[in-house]
Amino acid sequence: MRLTFTKMQGAGNDFVVLDATRAPIELTREQLRRLGDRRFGVGADQILMVEPARSAEVDFRYRIFNNTGDEVEHCGNGARCFVRFVHERGLTTQRTVKVETVNNRLELTLQDDGRVTVDMNRPIFELDRVPFDAQGLVPRLEGGNGGFALWPLDVGEGRRVEVAVLSMGNPHAVQRVGDVREAPVTALGPLVETHARFARKVNAGFMQVLGRDEIALRVWERDAGETLACGTGACAAVVAGIRLGWLDRRVNVQARGGLLTVEWPADDASVRMTGPAETVYQGEIEL
């Protein structure tokens, strides 16, 4: 089959975007993997599928596949690219678009400066919903209002790390580091990602606090490895930092691929993330 695609990026997190609004696109796991392969296909961190809405309450359906071919729950940088895509393709003229994912609903707003703000919904702290098996572990509490848990994880060879665990629609384990440039992301990231206590694996975040309104972040993403930016990872890191008493409610996140701004106005509020989204090129590929 010959497939038309659009290559996009948000803060260096890159995507292959497919328009399935006019006709369904059914791809096998192998075809998805080839699309995501940087040597034998187009190459991307994830593949995004734009589909018609299945409910009158939303405008589109938004599906996300890792470059391994697995469908996943959420991608904040991809959501920003999604709204730029549907505008550029003439699929909508609305500045604010509502979409449904495999387990969530998102509200995406195209700003006048071309950046996109995503309502990422409320963070999830219930461990069984992450999911995270904390049986037998004793956390260290830090921060106000009774504290937020830092969970000890044994990662082998006598090494132990402390992680804040939460979900932004997908699972995250965030640890604080002194210098994110020197953090052992490629060595430690896979050990946290595949730790037995995370039934569906986990995105491993490495956060350096630069000030109460600024962090530097690297993320080892589940099934994708380290990426230049991770939108849900940025939100998870900021939420964890706020709960632990390290950060204020509005934080600039320095990712390797660019700057994101994350706001969490109150503990019972949705998290909002603003950042860039750009089209790189369009093309066709034979699968």
Protein backbone atom coordinates (compact mmCIF):
# COMPACT_ATOMS: atom_id res chain seq x y z
CA MET A 1 0.00 0.00 0.00
CA ARG A 2 1.09 3.58 -0.70
CA LEU A 3 0.62 5.82 2.31
CA THR A 4 0.64 9.63 2.48
CA PHE A 5 2.10 11.03 5.70
CA THR A 6 3.17 14.26 7.37
CA LYS A 7 6.35 14.49 9.44
CA MET A 8 6.00 16.84 12.43
CA GLN A 9 7.93 17.73 15.57
CA GLY A 10 7.22 19.37 18.90
CA ALA A 11 10.32 20.46 20.82
CA GLY A 12 12.30 17.78 18.98
CA ASN A 13 9.85 14.96 19.77
CA ASP A 14 9.06 13.79 16.21
CA PHE A 15 6.01 12.13 14.72
CA VAL A 16 4.58 10.60 11.58
CA VAL A 17 0.99 11.86 11.31
CA LEU A 18 -1.64 9.99 9.27
CA ASP A 19 -5.00 11.36 8.12
CA ALA A 20 -7.66 8.65 8.56
CA THR A 21 -10.61 11.06 8.64
CA ARG A 22 -11.81 10.29 5.10
CA ALA A 23 -11.01 6.59 4.94
CA PRO A 24 -9.83 4.17 7.65
CA ILE A 25 -6.16 3.22 7.74
CA GLU A 26 -5.42 -0.26 9.03
CA LEU A 27 -1.74 -0.93 9.63
CA THR A 28 -0.13 -4.05 10.99
CA ARG A 29 2.37 -3.94 13.82
CA GLU A 30 5.17 -4.51 11.30
CA GLN A 31 3.98 -1.65 9.09
CA LEU A 32 3.88 0.68 12.08
CA ARG A 33 7.38 -0.39 13.07
CA ARG A 34 8.65 0.28 9.56
CA LEU A 35 7.08 3.76 9.57
CA GLY A 36 8.88 4.53 12.82
CA ASP A 37 12.22 3.04 11.73
CA ARG A 38 14.81 5.76 11.08
CA ARG A 39 16.82 3.60 8.67
CA PHE A 40 14.22 1.61 6.75
CA GLY A 41 11.17 3.88 7.03
CA VAL A 42 10.33 7.50 7.77
CA GLY A 43 11.54 7.54 11.36
CA ALA A 44 9.71 8.95 14.38
CA ASP A 45 9.32 8.61 18.10
CA GLN A 46 5.62 7.87 17.56
CA ILE A 47 2.97 7.52 14.87
CA LEU A 48 -0.20 9.60 15.28
CA MET A 49 -3.51 8.65 13.67
CA VAL A 50 -6.20 11.32 13.11
CA GLU A 51 -9.61 9.67 12.95
CA PRO A 52 -13.24 10.87 12.91
CA ALA A 53 -14.91 11.41 16.26
CA ARG A 54 -17.01 8.56 17.62
CA SER A 55 -18.96 10.92 19.88
CA ALA A 56 -20.70 14.26 19.37
CA GLU A 57 -18.86 15.56 22.44
CA VAL A 58 -15.47 15.65 20.67
CA ASP A 59 -14.14 16.78 17.29
CA PHE A 60 -11.67 13.99 16.49
CA ARG A 61 -10.27 10.70 17.69
CA TYR A 62 -6.52 10.66 18.34
CA ARG A 63 -4.56 7.38 18.37
CA ILE A 64 -0.88 7.07 19.31
CA PHE A 65 1.51 4.24 18.44
CA ASN A 66 5.08 3.86 19.62
CA ASN A 67 7.64 3.07 16.93
CA THR A 68 7.51 -0.50 18.24
CA GLY A 69 3.94 -0.79 16.92
CA ASP A 70 2.30 -0.69 20.36
CA GLU A 71 -0.67 1.61 20.93
CA VAL A 72 -0.20 3.88 23.96
CA GLU A 73 -2.40 6.16 26.01
CA HIS A 74 -1.08 9.68 25.75
CA CYS A 75 1.50 12.01 24.21
CA GLY A 76 1.47 15.71 25.03
CA ASN A 77 3.91 16.81 22.32
CA GLY A 78 1.96 14.73 19.83
CA ALA A 79 -1.27 16.43 20.90
CA ARG A 80 0.22 19.81 20.01
CA CYS A 81 1.23 18.51 16.59
CA PHE A 82 -2.25 17.04 16.22
CA VAL A 83 -3.98 20.43 16.44
CA ARG A 84 -1.51 22.07 14.03
CA PHE A 85 -2.10 19.20 11.61
CA VAL A 86 -5.91 19.41 11.56
CA HIS A 87 -5.67 23.19 11.02
CA GLU A 88 -3.09 22.99 8.25
CA ARG A 89 -5.02 20.23 6.48
CA GLY A 90 -8.26 22.22 6.63
CA LEU A 91 -10.00 19.63 8.79
CA THR A 92 -11.19 22.31 11.21
CA THR A 93 -11.18 26.09 11.67
CA GLN A 94 -11.73 25.96 15.42
CA ARG A 95 -8.95 27.40 17.57
CA THR A 96 -9.87 24.97 20.35
CA VAL A 97 -10.32 21.32 19.46
CA LYS A 98 -11.56 18.47 21.65
CA VAL A 99 -10.20 14.98 21.00
CA GLU A 100 -10.59 11.52 22.48
CA THR A 101 -7.68 9.14 23.02
CA VAL A 102 -7.72 5.49 24.00
CA ASN A 103 -8.36 6.44 27.65
CA ASN A 104 -8.85 10.19 27.85
CA ARG A 105 -10.31 13.39 26.42
CA LEU A 106 -8.14 16.41 25.71
CA GLU A 107 -8.75 20.06 24.86
CA LEU A 108 -6.16 21.60 22.54
CA THR A 109 -5.89 25.34 21.75
CA LEU A 110 -3.89 26.91 18.93
CA GLN A 111 -2.46 30.22 20.18
CA ASP A 112 -1.94 33.37 18.09
CA ASP A 113 1.85 32.92 18.20
CA GLY A 114 1.58 29.43 16.70
CA ARG A 115 2.28 27.59 19.93
CA VAL A 116 -0.31 25.14 21.25
CA THR A 117 -1.75 24.77 24.74
CA VAL A 118 -2.98 21.34 25.79
CA ASP A 119 -5.32 20.72 28.70
CA MET A 120 -3.66 17.56 29.98
CA ASN A 121 -6.39 16.83 32.55
CA ARG A 122 -5.77 16.11 36.20
CA PRO A 123 -2.80 14.04 37.32
CA ILE A 124 -3.53 10.60 38.75
CA PHE A 125 -1.92 9.65 42.06
CA GLU A 126 -3.74 6.40 42.94
CA LEU A 127 -1.02 3.78 42.59
CA ASP A 128 -3.31 1.07 41.23
CA ARG A 129 -4.28 3.39 38.37
CA VAL A 130 -0.67 4.17 37.38
CA PRO A 131 -0.22 1.13 37.83
CA PHE A 132 2.53 0.70 40.46
CA ASP A 133 2.97 -2.14 42.92
CA ALA A 134 4.14 -0.58 46.21
CA GLN A 135 3.66 -3.70 48.34
CA GLY A 136 6.41 -3.96 50.94
CA LEU A 137 7.91 -0.55 50.16
CA VAL A 138 8.17 2.31 52.66
CA PRO A 139 8.23 5.74 51.00
CA ARG A 140 9.95 8.86 52.21
CA LEU A 141 7.53 11.80 52.44
CA GLU A 142 8.58 15.29 51.43
CA GLY A 143 6.68 18.57 50.96
CA GLY A 144 3.66 20.16 52.60
CA ASN A 145 0.15 18.89 53.38
CA GLY A 146 1.44 15.61 54.78
CA GLY A 147 4.09 15.21 52.10
CA PHE A 148 4.33 13.42 48.76
CA ALA A 149 5.85 9.97 48.46
CA LEU A 150 9.30 9.25 47.12
CA TRP A 151 9.41 5.49 46.54
CA PRO A 152 12.65 3.47 46.82
CA LEU A 153 13.37 1.31 43.78
CA ASP A 154 16.11 -1.30 43.73
CA VAL A 155 17.55 -1.32 40.22
CA GLY A 156 20.20 -4.00 40.64
CA GLU A 157 23.84 -4.23 41.66
CA GLY A 158 23.01 -2.72 45.03
CA ARG A 159 21.72 0.50 43.49
CA ARG A 160 18.58 2.24 44.74
CA VAL A 161 16.80 5.33 43.42
CA GLU A 162 13.91 7.38 44.81
CA VAL A 163 11.08 8.15 42.41
CA ALA A 164 7.83 10.09 42.53
CA VAL A 165 5.14 7.96 40.88
CA LEU A 166 2.08 9.31 39.09
CA SER A 167 0.15 9.15 35.83
CA MET A 168 -0.69 11.81 33.26
CA GLY A 169 -2.82 9.30 31.39
CA ASN A 170 0.38 7.24 31.07
CA PRO A 171 2.75 6.12 33.84
CA HIS A 172 5.73 8.19 35.06
CA ALA A 173 8.51 7.73 37.60
CA VAL A 174 10.37 10.99 38.26
CA GLN A 175 13.67 11.31 40.09
CA ARG A 176 15.63 14.43 40.99
CA VAL A 177 19.24 14.72 39.84
CA GLY A 178 21.96 17.26 40.53
CA ASP A 179 22.98 17.81 36.90
CA VAL A 180 20.70 16.47 34.17
CA ARG A 181 23.54 16.62 31.64
CA GLU A 182 25.49 14.07 33.64
CA ALA A 183 22.53 11.92 34.70
CA PRO A 184 22.84 8.20 33.74
CA VAL A 185 19.72 8.31 31.59
CA THR A 186 20.74 5.65 29.08
CA ALA A 187 21.98 3.29 31.80
CA LEU A 188 19.33 3.82 34.47
CA GLY A 189 16.37 4.69 32.25
CA PRO A 190 15.82 1.16 30.91
CA LEU A 191 16.10 -0.33 34.41
CA VAL A 192 13.36 1.95 35.73
CA GLU A 193 11.25 1.58 32.56
CA THR A 194 11.10 -2.21 32.83
CA HIS A 195 11.06 -2.50 36.63
CA ALA A 196 8.79 -5.32 37.77
CA ARG A 197 6.73 -2.99 39.97
CA PHE A 198 5.36 -1.22 36.87
CA ALA A 199 2.98 -3.68 35.21
CA ARG A 200 2.81 -1.66 31.97
CA LYS A 201 6.36 -0.31 32.12
CA VAL A 202 6.95 3.37 32.90
CA ASN A 203 8.42 6.58 31.52
CA ALA A 204 11.52 7.46 33.55
CA GLY A 205 12.09 11.17 34.16
CA PHE A 206 15.35 12.80 35.33
CA MET A 207 14.71 16.31 36.69
CA GLN A 208 17.16 19.01 37.69
CA VAL A 209 15.60 21.89 39.65
CA LEU A 210 17.11 25.16 38.40
CA GLY A 211 14.77 27.41 40.38
CA ARG A 212 11.22 27.44 41.68
CA ASP A 213 9.99 28.31 38.18
CA GLU A 214 12.43 26.36 36.02
CA ILE A 215 13.67 22.79 35.58
CA ALA A 216 15.82 20.88 33.10
CA LEU A 217 14.46 17.47 32.13
CA ARG A 218 15.45 14.33 30.28
CA VAL A 219 13.05 11.42 29.83
CA TRP A 220 13.64 7.79 28.93
CA GLU A 221 10.30 7.01 27.29
CA ARG A 222 8.57 3.68 27.50
CA ASP A 223 9.37 1.60 24.39
CA ALA A 224 11.04 4.58 22.68
CA GLY A 225 14.21 5.28 24.67
CA GLU A 226 15.39 8.82 25.33
CA THR A 227 13.62 11.47 23.27
CA LEU A 228 14.38 15.16 22.84
CA ALA A 229 11.21 16.08 24.71
CA CYS A 230 8.27 14.39 26.44
CA GLY A 231 5.15 16.43 27.08
CA THR A 232 3.53 14.14 29.61
CA GLY A 233 6.95 13.71 31.22
CA ALA A 234 7.28 17.48 31.59
CA CYS A 235 3.84 17.65 33.21
CA ALA A 236 4.60 14.73 35.54
CA ALA A 237 7.91 16.27 36.62
CA VAL A 238 6.33 19.65 37.37
CA VAL A 239 3.41 18.12 39.27
CA ALA A 240 5.80 15.97 41.31
CA GLY A 241 8.00 18.99 42.00
CA ILE A 242 5.02 21.02 43.19
CA ARG A 243 3.75 18.25 45.47
CA LEU A 244 7.25 17.79 46.90
CA GLY A 245 7.55 21.52 47.65
CA TRP A 246 10.32 22.21 45.14
CA LEU A 247 8.43 24.21 42.50
CA ASP A 248 5.86 26.96 42.03
CA ARG A 249 2.66 26.53 40.03
CA ARG A 250 4.03 27.76 36.68
CA VAL A 251 7.30 26.26 35.47
CA ASN A 252 9.43 26.49 32.33
CA VAL A 253 10.78 23.08 31.36
CA GLN A 254 14.06 22.94 29.45
CA ALA A 255 13.96 19.80 27.33
CA ARG A 256 16.81 18.88 25.02
CA GLY A 257 14.62 19.77 22.03
CA GLY A 258 13.14 23.05 23.27
CA LEU A 259 11.17 24.91 25.92
CA LEU A 260 7.80 23.86 27.34
CA THR A 261 5.70 25.75 29.87
CA VAL A 262 3.64 23.76 32.38
CA GLU A 263 1.01 25.20 34.71
CA TRP A 264 -0.89 23.45 37.51
CA PRO A 265 -3.02 26.17 39.14
CA ALA A 266 -4.34 24.06 42.03
CA ASP A 267 -4.29 20.50 43.32
CA ASP A 268 -7.79 19.88 41.95
CA ALA A 269 -7.12 21.55 38.58
CA SER A 270 -6.07 20.28 35.19
CA VAL A 271 -2.45 20.59 34.10
CA ARG A 272 -1.87 22.86 31.09
CA MET A 273 1.15 22.59 28.83
CA THR A 274 2.19 25.10 26.14
CA GLY A 275 4.86 24.56 23.53
CA PRO A 276 5.78 24.52 19.83
CA ALA A 277 4.51 22.27 17.05
CA GLU A 278 5.84 22.36 13.49
CA THR A 279 5.42 20.55 10.20
CA VAL A 280 8.74 19.28 8.83
CA TYR A 281 7.64 17.81 5.48
CA GLN A 282 5.02 15.70 3.71
CA GLY A 283 5.62 12.56 1.72
CA GLU A 284 4.55 9.10 0.58
CA ILE A 285 5.89 5.67 1.45
CA GLU A 286 5.23 2.20 0.07
CA LEU A 287 4.47 -0.27 2.86
